[in-house]
Amino acid sequence: MDSERRTETLKREIDLLGQDKNFLQRESTSLEDKVRRLEDKLDRTELSLLESKKQAEKYMDRVLNTNDDLKVKFD
C-alpha cells in the first residue's frame, strides 16, 4: 500500500515536471521569437538613425554653403 502511494506520488511528480518542461519550452520559443523581432526592429531603427544623420549633415552643409554665399555677396 505504501509503495503504491509512493508510485502514485512519483507519477504525479513526473507528470507535473513534464507539464513544466512543456510550458518552459513554449515560453522559451516565444521569448526567442520576441528577441528576434526586437533585434530586427533595432537593426531597422539603427539604419533609420544613420539615414537621418546623413540627411542632417546634408542640410547642415546646405546651410553653411548658403551662409558662405551670403557673406561673399555682402563683402
Protein backbone atom coordinates (compact mmCIF):
# COMPACT_ATOMS: atom_id res chain seq x y z
CA MET A 1 0.00 0.00 0.00
CA ASP A 2 2.76 2.40 0.95
CA SER A 3 4.71 1.61 -2.22
CA GLU A 4 1.56 2.16 -4.31
CA ARG A 5 1.11 5.58 -2.79
CA ARG A 6 4.78 6.37 -3.39
CA THR A 7 4.43 5.19 -7.01
CA GLU A 8 1.34 7.40 -7.49
CA THR A 9 3.16 10.39 -5.99
CA LEU A 10 6.12 9.84 -8.27
CA LYS A 11 3.85 9.51 -11.31
CA ARG A 12 2.17 12.82 -10.42
CA GLU A 13 5.57 14.46 -9.96
CA ILE A 14 6.71 13.15 -13.33
CA ASP A 15 3.50 14.44 -14.94
CA LEU A 16 3.92 17.88 -13.36
CA LEU A 17 7.56 18.03 -14.37
CA GLY A 18 6.58 17.13 -17.92
CA GLN A 19 3.98 19.90 -17.93
CA ASP A 20 6.54 22.35 -16.54
CA LYS A 21 9.02 21.32 -19.20
CA ASN A 22 6.46 21.84 -21.97
CA PHE A 23 5.47 25.21 -20.55
CA LEU A 24 9.09 26.33 -20.32
CA GLN A 25 9.77 25.17 -23.87
CA ARG A 26 6.81 27.21 -25.15
CA GLU A 27 7.94 30.23 -23.13
CA SER A 28 11.49 29.87 -24.39
CA THR A 29 10.32 29.68 -28.01
CA SER A 30 8.07 32.68 -27.50
CA LEU A 31 10.88 34.71 -25.94
CA GLU A 32 13.32 33.71 -28.69
CA ASP A 33 10.80 34.95 -31.28
CA LYS A 34 10.36 38.19 -29.35
CA VAL A 35 14.14 38.68 -29.18
CA ARG A 36 14.42 38.06 -32.92
CA ARG A 37 11.68 40.63 -33.65
CA LEU A 38 13.28 43.18 -31.33
CA GLU A 39 16.70 42.64 -32.91
CA ASP A 40 15.15 43.21 -36.35
CA LYS A 41 13.46 46.36 -35.08
CA LEU A 42 16.76 47.54 -33.60
CA ASP A 43 18.52 46.97 -36.92
CA ARG A 44 15.85 48.96 -38.77
CA THR A 45 15.99 51.75 -36.19
CA GLU A 46 19.79 51.95 -36.42
CA LEU A 47 19.57 52.17 -40.22
CA SER A 48 16.96 54.88 -39.93
CA LEU A 49 19.15 56.78 -37.49
CA LEU A 50 22.12 56.61 -39.88
CA GLU A 51 19.95 57.87 -42.74
CA SER A 52 18.66 60.70 -40.56
CA LYS A 53 22.22 61.66 -39.62
CA LYS A 54 23.23 61.71 -43.28
CA GLN A 55 20.23 63.88 -44.11
CA ALA A 56 21.04 66.25 -41.22
CA GLU A 57 24.63 66.55 -42.49
CA LYS A 58 23.34 67.42 -45.98
CA TYR A 59 21.08 70.12 -44.53
CA MET A 60 23.92 71.49 -42.41
CA ASP A 61 26.19 71.63 -45.46
CA ARG A 62 23.47 73.49 -47.36
CA VAL A 63 23.06 76.00 -44.53
CA LEU A 64 26.81 76.55 -44.28
CA ASN A 65 27.14 76.94 -48.05
CA THR A 66 24.26 79.40 -48.10
CA ASN A 67 25.88 81.38 -45.28
CA ASP A 68 29.18 81.42 -47.18
CA ASP A 69 27.40 82.61 -50.34
CA LEU A 70 25.68 85.40 -48.40
CA LYS A 71 28.95 86.52 -46.83
CA VAL A 72 30.59 86.70 -50.25
CA LYS A 73 27.70 88.78 -51.60
CA PHE A 74 27.87 91.24 -48.69
CA ASP A 75 31.64 91.59 -48.82
